[in-house]
């Protein structure tokens, strides 16, 4: 049954390497799509609210001292069979892809 699987990558280079490996493994170019995540800048109001909220909680109590890494890229692969799904998933995991 046709399906699409999606994996996020922390680094664009890892996503590009995974895409190249998928193409080399025989996946058609139109079945493998790489999308970069936009890093949106916060406006002054959002920064002010974040700073106020951060100051109201003790350090480490809310993990504000350790920002969550945002994914840099999303790789999507169209698969037709369970075997293709497993193969694509294995390749993307090898390059650090995590479920989107």
PDB file of N, CA and C in Angstrom:
ATOM      1  N   UNK A   1       0.843  -1.174   0.000  1.00  0.00           N
ATOM      2  CA  UNK A   1       0.000   0.000   0.000  1.00  0.00           C
ATOM      3  C   UNK A   1       0.892   1.243   0.000  1.00  0.00           C
ATOM      4  N   UNK A   2       0.676   2.180  -0.911  1.00  0.00           N
ATOM      5  CA  UNK A   2       1.474   3.403  -0.969  1.00  0.00           C
ATOM      6  C   UNK A   2       1.319   4.233   0.308  1.00  0.00           C
ATOM      7  N   UNK A   3       2.422   4.810   0.741  1.00  0.00           N
ATOM      8  CA  UNK A   3       2.439   5.611   1.962  1.00  0.00           C
ATOM      9  C   UNK A   3       3.628   6.555   1.897  1.00  0.00           C
ATOM     10  N   UNK A   4       3.661   7.534   2.767  1.00  0.00           N
ATOM     11  CA  UNK A   4       4.796   8.443   2.869  1.00  0.00           C
ATOM     12  C   UNK A   4       5.272   8.448   4.301  1.00  0.00           C
ATOM     13  N   UNK A   5       6.585   8.314   4.480  1.00  0.00           N
ATOM     14  CA  UNK A   5       7.150   8.404   5.825  1.00  0.00           C
ATOM     15  C   UNK A   5       7.970   9.688   5.911  1.00  0.00           C
ATOM     16  N   UNK A   6       7.981  10.262   7.108  1.00  0.00           N
ATOM     17  CA  UNK A   6       8.638  11.545   7.337  1.00  0.00           C
ATOM     18  C   UNK A   6       9.609  11.413   8.505  1.00  0.00           C
ATOM     19  N   UNK A   7      10.789  11.999   8.360  1.00  0.00           N
ATOM     20  CA  UNK A   7      11.778  11.995   9.435  1.00  0.00           C
ATOM     21  C   UNK A   7      12.413  13.378   9.526  1.00  0.00           C
ATOM     22  N   UNK A   8      12.586  13.861  10.760  1.00  0.00           N
ATOM     23  CA  UNK A   8      13.271  15.121  11.014  1.00  0.00           C
ATOM     24  C   UNK A   8      14.749  14.872  11.239  1.00  0.00           C
ATOM     25  N   UNK A   9      15.568  15.842  10.858  1.00  0.00           N
ATOM     26  CA  UNK A   9      17.019  15.772  11.042  1.00  0.00           C
ATOM     27  C   UNK A   9      17.501  17.042  11.720  1.00  0.00           C
ATOM     28  N   UNK A  10      18.462  16.894  12.640  1.00  0.00           N
ATOM     29  CA  UNK A  10      19.007  18.049  13.352  1.00  0.00           C
ATOM     30  C   UNK A  10      19.906  18.894  12.457  1.00  0.00           C
ATOM     31  N   UNK A  11      20.554  18.255  11.507  1.00  0.00           N
ATOM     32  CA  UNK A  11      21.472  18.948  10.612  1.00  0.00           C
ATOM     33  C   UNK A  11      21.021  18.759   9.164  1.00  0.00           C
ATOM     34  N   UNK A  12      21.100  19.820   8.387  1.00  0.00           N
ATOM     35  CA  UNK A  12      20.737  19.743   6.973  1.00  0.00           C
ATOM     36  C   UNK A  12      21.653  18.756   6.254  1.00  0.00           C
ATOM     37  N   UNK A  13      22.937  18.758   6.604  1.00  0.00           N
ATOM     38  CA  UNK A  13      23.894  17.854   5.958  1.00  0.00           C
ATOM     39  C   UNK A  13      23.510  16.391   6.166  1.00  0.00           C
ATOM     40  N   UNK A  14      22.985  16.055   7.352  1.00  0.00           N
ATOM     41  CA  UNK A  14      22.550  14.672   7.609  1.00  0.00           C
ATOM     42  C   UNK A  14      21.356  14.310   6.731  1.00  0.00           C
ATOM     43  N   UNK A  15      20.421  15.235   6.588  1.00  0.00           N
ATOM     44  CA  UNK A  15      19.252  15.000   5.735  1.00  0.00           C
ATOM     45  C   UNK A  15      19.668  14.841   4.278  1.00  0.00           C
ATOM     46  N   UNK A  16      20.620  15.668   3.843  1.00  0.00           N
ATOM     47  CA  UNK A  16      21.101  15.563   2.469  1.00  0.00           C
ATOM     48  C   UNK A  16      21.825  14.242   2.241  1.00  0.00           C
ATOM     49  N   UNK A  17      22.590  13.794   3.228  1.00  0.00           N
ATOM     50  CA  UNK A  17      23.279  12.501   3.114  1.00  0.00           C
ATOM     51  C   UNK A  17      22.280  11.354   3.060  1.00  0.00           C
ATOM     52  N   UNK A  18      21.239  11.438   3.881  1.00  0.00           N
ATOM     53  CA  UNK A  18      20.197  10.407   3.862  1.00  0.00           C
ATOM     54  C   UNK A  18      19.485  10.387   2.519  1.00  0.00           C
ATOM     55  N   UNK A  19      19.206  11.561   1.970  1.00  0.00           N
ATOM     56  CA  UNK A  19      18.554  11.646   0.649  1.00  0.00           C
ATOM     57  C   UNK A  19      19.433  11.003  -0.407  1.00  0.00           C
ATOM     58  N   UNK A  20      20.718  11.307  -0.390  1.00  0.00           N
ATOM     59  CA  UNK A  20      21.647  10.722  -1.364  1.00  0.00           C
ATOM     60  C   UNK A  20      21.694   9.201  -1.224  1.00  0.00           C
ATOM     61  N   UNK A  21      21.683   8.711   0.017  1.00  0.00           N
ATOM     62  CA  UNK A  21      21.713   7.260   0.244  1.00  0.00           C
ATOM     63  C   UNK A  21      20.429   6.601  -0.256  1.00  0.00           C
ATOM     64  N   UNK A  22      19.292   7.265  -0.075  1.00  0.00           N
ATOM     65  CA  UNK A  22      18.024   6.726  -0.565  1.00  0.00           C
ATOM     66  C   UNK A  22      18.023   6.643  -2.089  1.00  0.00           C
ATOM     67  N   UNK A  23      18.520   7.688  -2.731  1.00  0.00           N
ATOM     68  CA  UNK A  23      18.591   7.680  -4.195  1.00  0.00           C
ATOM     69  C   UNK A  23      19.538   6.600  -4.687  1.00  0.00           C
ATOM     70  N   UNK A  24      20.651   6.441  -3.997  1.00  0.00           N
ATOM     71  CA  UNK A  24      21.620   5.413  -4.368  1.00  0.00           C
ATOM     72  C   UNK A  24      21.043   4.010  -4.168  1.00  0.00           C
ATOM     73  N   UNK A  25      20.137   3.877  -3.190  1.00  0.00           N
ATOM     74  CA  UNK A  25      19.506   2.578  -2.922  1.00  0.00           C
ATOM     75  C   UNK A  25      18.400   2.257  -3.921  1.00  0.00           C
ATOM     76  N   UNK A  26      18.095   3.211  -4.817  1.00  0.00           N
ATOM     77  CA  UNK A  26      17.113   2.924  -5.854  1.00  0.00           C
ATOM     78  C   UNK A  26      15.789   3.643  -5.730  1.00  0.00           C
ATOM     79  N   UNK A  27      15.612   4.476  -4.712  1.00  0.00           N
ATOM     80  CA  UNK A  27      14.373   5.236  -4.604  1.00  0.00           C
ATOM     81  C   UNK A  27      14.380   6.313  -5.684  1.00  0.00           C
ATOM     82  N   UNK A  28      13.250   6.511  -6.318  1.00  0.00           N
ATOM     83  CA  UNK A  28      13.121   7.480  -7.404  1.00  0.00           C
ATOM     84  C   UNK A  28      13.228   8.898  -6.837  1.00  0.00           C
ATOM     85  N   UNK A  29      13.848   9.787  -7.577  1.00  0.00           N
ATOM     86  CA  UNK A  29      14.044  11.166  -7.134  1.00  0.00           C
ATOM     87  C   UNK A  29      12.767  11.882  -6.749  1.00  0.00           C
ATOM     88  N   UNK A  30      11.686  11.607  -7.464  1.00  0.00           N
ATOM     89  CA  UNK A  30      10.417  12.265  -7.153  1.00  0.00           C
ATOM     90  C   UNK A  30       9.762  11.709  -5.889  1.00  0.00           C
ATOM     91  N   UNK A  31      10.254  10.569  -5.395  1.00  0.00           N
ATOM     92  CA  UNK A  31       9.693   9.951  -4.197  1.00  0.00           C
ATOM     93  C   UNK A  31      10.382  10.419  -2.925  1.00  0.00           C
ATOM     94  N   UNK A  32      11.488  11.165  -3.079  1.00  0.00           N
ATOM     95  CA  UNK A  32      12.277  11.599  -1.928  1.00  0.00           C
ATOM     96  C   UNK A  32      12.310  13.123  -1.925  1.00  0.00           C
ATOM     97  N   UNK A  33      11.711  13.723  -0.899  1.00  0.00           N
ATOM     98  CA  UNK A  33      11.623  15.180  -0.852  1.00  0.00           C
ATOM     99  C   UNK A  33      12.250  15.723   0.426  1.00  0.00           C
ATOM    100  N   UNK A  34      13.152  16.688   0.255  1.00  0.00           N
ATOM    101  CA  UNK A  34      13.844  17.331   1.367  1.00  0.00           C
ATOM    102  C   UNK A  34      13.292  18.740   1.550  1.00  0.00           C
ATOM    103  N   UNK A  35      12.845  19.042   2.752  1.00  0.00           N
ATOM    104  CA  UNK A  35      12.327  20.374   3.074  1.00  0.00           C
ATOM    105  C   UNK A  35      13.087  20.924   4.270  1.00  0.00           C
ATOM    106  N   UNK A  36      13.589  22.138   4.122  1.00  0.00           N
ATOM    107  CA  UNK A  36      14.301  22.787   5.216  1.00  0.00           C
ATOM    108  C   UNK A  36      13.302  23.488   6.119  1.00  0.00           C
ATOM    109  N   UNK A  37      13.527  23.398   7.437  1.00  0.00           N
ATOM    110  CA  UNK A  37      12.680  24.116   8.390  1.00  0.00           C
ATOM    111  C   UNK A  37      13.161  25.555   8.470  1.00  0.00           C
ATOM    112  N   UNK A  38      12.238  26.478   8.494  1.00  0.00           N
ATOM    113  CA  UNK A  38      12.585  27.890   8.638  1.00  0.00           C
ATOM    114  C   UNK A  38      12.804  28.206  10.113  1.00  0.00           C
ATOM    115  N   UNK A  39      13.905  28.862  10.403  1.00  0.00           N
ATOM    116  CA  UNK A  39      14.150  29.341  11.764  1.00  0.00           C
ATOM    117  C   UNK A  39      13.560  30.742  11.859  1.00  0.00           C
ATOM    118  N   UNK A  40      12.441  30.841  12.495  1.00  0.00           N
ATOM    119  CA  UNK A  40      11.755  32.129  12.584  1.00  0.00           C
ATOM    120  C   UNK A  40      12.298  32.937  13.751  1.00  0.00           C
ATOM    121  N   UNK A  41      12.618  34.161  13.464  1.00  0.00           N
ATOM    122  CA  UNK A  41      13.109  35.052  14.511  1.00  0.00           C
ATOM    123  C   UNK A  41      11.939  35.487  15.388  1.00  0.00           C
ATOM    124  N   UNK A  42      12.194  35.577  16.690  1.00  0.00           N
ATOM    125  CA  UNK A  42      11.148  36.031  17.593  1.00  0.00           C
ATOM    126  C   UNK A  42      11.101  37.548  17.574  1.00  0.00           C
ATOM    127  N   UNK A  43       9.894  38.078  17.732  1.00  0.00           N
ATOM    128  CA  UNK A  43       9.775  39.526  17.816  1.00  0.00           C
ATOM    129  C   UNK A  43      10.052  39.987  19.247  1.00  0.00           C
ATOM    130  N   UNK A  44      10.113  41.277  19.448  1.00  0.00           N
ATOM    131  CA  UNK A  44      10.461  41.848  20.749  1.00  0.00           C
ATOM    132  C   UNK A  44       9.473  41.435  21.833  1.00  0.00           C
ATOM    133  N   UNK A  45       8.191  41.421  21.524  1.00  0.00           N
ATOM    134  CA  UNK A  45       7.172  41.055  22.510  1.00  0.00           C
ATOM    135  C   UNK A  45       7.342  39.605  22.951  1.00  0.00           C
ATOM    136  N   UNK A  46       7.546  38.702  22.007  1.00  0.00           N
ATOM    137  CA  UNK A  46       7.725  37.298  22.343  1.00  0.00           C
ATOM    138  C   UNK A  46       8.971  37.101  23.200  1.00  0.00           C
ATOM    139  N   UNK A  47      10.064  37.772  22.870  1.00  0.00           N
ATOM    140  CA  UNK A  47      11.281  37.680  23.672  1.00  0.00           C
ATOM    141  C   UNK A  47      11.042  38.182  25.090  1.00  0.00           C
ATOM    142  N   UNK A  48      10.319  39.293  25.237  1.00  0.00           N
ATOM    143  CA  UNK A  48      10.047  39.858  26.558  1.00  0.00           C
ATOM    144  C   UNK A  48       9.228  38.889  27.407  1.00  0.00           C
ATOM    145  N   UNK A  49       8.181  38.314  26.822  1.00  0.00           N
ATOM    146  CA  UNK A  49       7.341  37.359  27.553  1.00  0.00           C
ATOM    147  C   UNK A  49       8.161  36.129  27.942  1.00  0.00           C
ATOM    148  N   UNK A  50       8.972  35.607  27.024  1.00  0.00           N
ATOM    149  CA  UNK A  50       9.826  34.458  27.342  1.00  0.00           C
ATOM    150  C   UNK A  50      10.763  34.776  28.497  1.00  0.00           C
ATOM    151  N   UNK A  51      11.373  35.949  28.488  1.00  0.00           N
ATOM    152  CA  UNK A  51      12.296  36.326  29.561  1.00  0.00           C
ATOM    153  C   UNK A  51      11.584  36.450  30.900  1.00  0.00           C
ATOM    154  N   UNK A  52      10.381  37.005  30.896  1.00  0.00           N
ATOM    155  CA  UNK A  52       9.604  37.129  32.139  1.00  0.00           C
ATOM    156  C   UNK A  52       9.262  35.746  32.676  1.00  0.00           C
ATOM    157  N   UNK A  53       8.766  34.878  31.808  1.00  0.00           N
ATOM    158  CA  UNK A  53       8.387  33.529  32.244  1.00  0.00           C
ATOM    159  C   UNK A  53       9.602  32.751  32.752  1.00  0.00           C
ATOM    160  N   UNK A  54      10.729  32.901  32.078  1.00  0.00           N
ATOM    161  CA  UNK A  54      11.946  32.215  32.513  1.00  0.00           C
ATOM    162  C   UNK A  54      12.393  32.693  33.886  1.00  0.00           C
ATOM    163  N   UNK A  55      12.217  33.971  34.165  1.00  0.00           N
ATOM    164  CA  UNK A  55      12.667  34.523  35.448  1.00  0.00           C
ATOM    165  C   UNK A  55      11.765  34.098  36.602  1.00  0.00           C
ATOM    166  N   UNK A  56      10.561  33.638  36.339  1.00  0.00           N
ATOM    167  CA  UNK A  56       9.625  33.244  37.388  1.00  0.00           C
ATOM    168  C   UNK A  56       9.844  31.820  37.896  1.00  0.00           C
ATOM    169  N   UNK A  57      10.672  31.070  37.235  1.00  0.00           N
ATOM    170  CA  UNK A  57      10.908  29.694  37.653  1.00  0.00           C
ATOM    171  C   UNK A  57      12.376  29.504  38.013  1.00  0.00           C
ATOM    172  N   UNK A  58      12.650  28.661  39.010  1.00  0.00           N
ATOM    173  CA  UNK A  58      14.041  28.414  39.373  1.00  0.00           C
ATOM    174  C   UNK A  58      14.788  27.753  38.217  1.00  0.00           C
ATOM    175  N   UNK A  59      16.082  27.983  38.168  1.00  0.00           N
ATOM    176  CA  UNK A  59      16.902  27.359  37.126  1.00  0.00           C
ATOM    177  C   UNK A  59      16.700  25.855  37.112  1.00  0.00           C
ATOM    178  N   UNK A  60      16.654  25.312  35.937  1.00  0.00           N
ATOM    179  CA  UNK A  60      16.512  23.879  35.686  1.00  0.00           C
ATOM    180  C   UNK A  60      15.142  23.307  36.038  1.00  0.00           C
ATOM    181  N   UNK A  61      14.282  24.065  36.706  1.00  0.00           N
ATOM    182  CA  UNK A  61      12.968  23.530  37.070  1.00  0.00           C
ATOM    183  C   UNK A  61      12.085  23.342  35.846  1.00  0.00           C
ATOM    184  N   UNK A  62      12.313  24.164  34.833  1.00  0.00           N
ATOM    185  CA  UNK A  62      11.450  24.091  33.656  1.00  0.00           C
ATOM    186  C   UNK A  62      12.227  23.863  32.368  1.00  0.00           C
ATOM    187  N   UNK A  63      13.490  23.510  32.484  1.00  0.00           N
ATOM    188  CA  UNK A  63      14.357  23.227  31.335  1.00  0.00           C
ATOM    189  C   UNK A  63      14.557  24.425  30.416  1.00  0.00           C
ATOM    190  N   UNK A  64      14.339  25.639  30.919  1.00  0.00           N
ATOM    191  CA  UNK A  64      14.571  26.808  30.075  1.00  0.00           C
ATOM    192  C   UNK A  64      16.060  27.071  29.887  1.00  0.00           C
ATOM    193  N   UNK A  65      16.879  26.520  30.794  1.00  0.00           N
ATOM    194  CA  UNK A  65      18.324  26.696  30.654  1.00  0.00           C
ATOM    195  C   UNK A  65      18.904  25.772  29.598  1.00  0.00           C
ATOM    196  N   UNK A  66      18.096  24.828  29.143  1.00  0.00           N
ATOM    197  CA  UNK A  66      18.539  23.864  28.147  1.00  0.00           C
ATOM    198  C   UNK A  66      17.539  23.857  27.005  1.00  0.00           C
ATOM    199  N   UNK A  67      17.690  24.784  26.067  1.00  0.00           N
ATOM    200  CA  UNK A  67      16.705  24.856  24.977  1.00  0.00           C
ATOM    201  C   UNK A  67      16.673  23.569  24.157  1.00  0.00           C
ATOM    202  N   UNK A  68      15.502  23.250  23.691  1.00  0.00           N
ATOM    203  CA  UNK A  68      15.303  22.065  22.866  1.00  0.00           C
ATOM    204  C   UNK A  68      15.833  22.349  21.461  1.00  0.00           C
ATOM    205  N   UNK A  69      16.642  21.435  20.966  1.00  0.00           N
ATOM    206  CA  UNK A  69      17.169  21.598  19.609  1.00  0.00           C
ATOM    207  C   UNK A  69      16.026  21.448  18.608  1.00  0.00           C
ATOM    208  N   UNK A  70      15.945  22.381  17.684  1.00  0.00           N
ATOM    209  CA  UNK A  70      14.903  22.328  16.667  1.00  0.00           C
ATOM    210  C   UNK A  70      15.427  21.589  15.454  1.00  0.00           C
ATOM    211  N   UNK A  71      14.594  20.789  14.836  1.00  0.00           N
ATOM    212  CA  UNK A  71      15.060  20.104  13.629  1.00  0.00           C
ATOM    213  C   UNK A  71      15.343  21.099  12.510  1.00  0.00           C
ATOM    214  N   UNK A  72      16.338  20.772  11.688  1.00  0.00           N
ATOM    215  CA  UNK A  72      16.746  21.662  10.606  1.00  0.00           C
ATOM    216  C   UNK A  72      16.098  21.287   9.276  1.00  0.00           C
ATOM    217  N   UNK A  73      15.734  20.000   9.140  1.00  0.00           N
ATOM    218  CA  UNK A  73      15.200  19.553   7.854  1.00  0.00           C
ATOM    219  C   UNK A  73      14.241  18.382   8.047  1.00  0.00           C
ATOM    220  N   UNK A  74      13.312  18.261   7.104  1.00  0.00           N
ATOM    221  CA  UNK A  74      12.361  17.153   7.073  1.00  0.00           C
ATOM    222  C   UNK A  74      12.562  16.414   5.762  1.00  0.00           C
ATOM    223  N   UNK A  75      12.736  15.108   5.857  1.00  0.00           N
ATOM    224  CA  UNK A  75      12.886  14.271   4.667  1.00  0.00           C
ATOM    225  C   UNK A  75      11.664  13.369   4.571  1.00  0.00           C
ATOM    226  N   UNK A  76      11.004  13.395   3.428  1.00  0.00           N
ATOM    227  CA  UNK A  76       9.801  12.592   3.190  1.00  0.00           C
ATOM    228  C   UNK A  76      10.077  11.618   2.057  1.00  0.00           C
ATOM    229  N   UNK A  77       9.614  10.371   2.242  1.00  0.00           N
ATOM    230  CA  UNK A  77       9.852   9.336   1.239  1.00  0.00           C
ATOM    231  C   UNK A  77       8.550   8.604   0.957  1.00  0.00           C
ATOM    232  N   UNK A  78       8.186   8.553  -0.318  1.00  0.00           N
ATOM    233  CA  UNK A  78       7.030   7.772  -0.742  1.00  0.00           C
ATOM    234  C   UNK A  78       7.463   6.323  -0.893  1.00  0.00           C
ATOM    235  N   UNK A  79       6.712   5.421  -0.252  1.00  0.00           N
ATOM    236  CA  UNK A  79       7.017   3.992  -0.326  1.00  0.00           C
ATOM    237  C   UNK A  79       5.771   3.250  -0.786  1.00  0.00           C
ATOM    238  N   UNK A  80       6.007   2.149  -1.497  1.00  0.00           N
ATOM    239  CA  UNK A  80       4.888   1.350  -2.004  1.00  0.00           C
ATOM    240  C   UNK A  80       4.710   0.036  -1.266  1.00  0.00           C
ATOM    241  N   UNK A  81       5.779  -0.460  -0.641  1.00  0.00           N
ATOM    242  CA  UNK A  81       5.715  -1.762   0.016  1.00  0.00           C
ATOM    243  C   UNK A  81       6.290  -1.669   1.426  1.00  0.00           C
ATOM    244  N   UNK A  82       6.015  -2.669   2.220  1.00  0.00           N
ATOM    245  CA  UNK A  82       6.578  -2.744   3.568  1.00  0.00           C
ATOM    246  C   UNK A  82       8.101  -2.862   3.505  1.00  0.00           C
ATOM    247  N   UNK A  83       8.601  -3.561   2.507  1.00  0.00           N
ATOM    248  CA  UNK A  83      10.052  -3.700   2.336  1.00  0.00           C
ATOM    249  C   UNK A  83      10.696  -2.336   2.055  1.00  0.00           C
ATOM    250  N   UNK A  84      10.072  -1.529   1.198  1.00  0.00           N
ATOM    251  CA  UNK A  84      10.590  -0.182   0.927  1.00  0.00           C
ATOM    252  C   UNK A  84      10.541   0.676   2.187  1.00  0.00           C
ATOM    253  N   UNK A  85       9.455   0.537   2.953  1.00  0.00           N
ATOM    254  CA  UNK A  85       9.318   1.293   4.202  1.00  0.00           C
ATOM    255  C   UNK A  85      10.471   0.961   5.146  1.00  0.00           C
ATOM    256  N   UNK A  86      10.742  -0.309   5.333  1.00  0.00           N
ATOM    257  CA  UNK A  86      11.824  -0.728   6.227  1.00  0.00           C
ATOM    258  C   UNK A  86      13.179  -0.253   5.718  1.00  0.00           C
ATOM    259  N   UNK A  87      13.398  -0.354   4.418  1.00  0.00           N
ATOM    260  CA  UNK A  87      14.660   0.072   3.840  1.00  0.00           C
ATOM    261  C   UNK A  87      14.859   1.579   4.011  1.00  0.00           C
ATOM    262  N   UNK A  88      13.839   2.357   3.710  1.00  0.00           N
ATOM    263  CA  UNK A  88      13.930   3.814   3.846  1.00  0.00           C
ATOM    264  C   UNK A  88      14.132   4.210   5.301  1.00  0.00           C
ATOM    265  N   UNK A  89      13.402   3.574   6.196  1.00  0.00           N
ATOM    266  CA  UNK A  89      13.527   3.879   7.616  1.00  0.00           C
ATOM    267  C   UNK A  89      14.933   3.565   8.117  1.00  0.00           C
ATOM    268  N   UNK A  90      15.481   2.430   7.722  1.00  0.00           N
ATOM    269  CA  UNK A  90      16.827   2.043   8.135  1.00  0.00           C
ATOM    270  C   UNK A  90      17.857   3.056   7.649  1.00  0.00           C
ATOM    271  N   UNK A  91      17.725   3.478   6.417  1.00  0.00           N
ATOM    272  CA  UNK A  91      18.665   4.458   5.856  1.00  0.00           C
ATOM    273  C   UNK A  91      18.568   5.773   6.614  1.00  0.00           C
ATOM    274  N   UNK A  92      17.346   6.250   6.838  1.00  0.00           N
ATOM    275  CA  UNK A  92      17.194   7.541   7.518  1.00  0.00           C
ATOM    276  C   UNK A  92      17.648   7.484   8.972  1.00  0.00           C
ATOM    277  N   UNK A  93      17.417   6.360   9.643  1.00  0.00           N
ATOM    278  CA  UNK A  93      17.903   6.202  11.019  1.00  0.00           C
ATOM    279  C   UNK A  93      19.429   6.256  11.070  1.00  0.00           C
ATOM    280  N   UNK A  94      20.066   5.706  10.066  1.00  0.00           N
ATOM    281  CA  UNK A  94      21.528   5.685  10.015  1.00  0.00           C
ATOM    282  C   UNK A  94      22.108   7.103  10.010  1.00  0.00           C
ATOM    283  N   UNK A  95      21.345   8.059   9.493  1.00  0.00           N
ATOM    284  CA  UNK A  95      21.807   9.443   9.425  1.00  0.00           C
ATOM    285  C   UNK A  95      21.168  10.327  10.501  1.00  0.00           C
ATOM    286  N   UNK A  96      20.515   9.711  11.472  1.00  0.00           N
ATOM    287  CA  UNK A  96      19.978  10.459  12.602  1.00  0.00           C
ATOM    288  C   UNK A  96      18.555  10.947  12.449  1.00  0.00           C
ATOM    289  N   UNK A  97      17.817  10.410  11.499  1.00  0.00           N
ATOM    290  CA  UNK A  97      16.429  10.817  11.312  1.00  0.00           C
ATOM    291  C   UNK A  97      15.553  10.329  12.448  1.00  0.00           C
ATOM    292  N   UNK A  98      14.687  11.190  12.935  1.00  0.00           N
ATOM    293  CA  UNK A  98      13.748  10.818  13.984  1.00  0.00           C
ATOM    294  C   UNK A  98      12.326  11.052  13.476  1.00  0.00           C
ATOM    295  N   UNK A  99      11.404  10.268  13.989  1.00  0.00           N
ATOM    296  CA  UNK A  99      10.025  10.345  13.522  1.00  0.00           C
ATOM    297  C   UNK A  99       9.471  11.760  13.673  1.00  0.00           C
ATOM    298  N   UNK A 100       8.825  12.220  12.627  1.00  0.00           N
ATOM    299  CA  UNK A 100       8.277  13.589  12.647  1.00  0.00           C
ATOM    300  C   UNK A 100       6.939  13.633  13.349  1.00  0.00           C
TER     301      UNK A 100
END
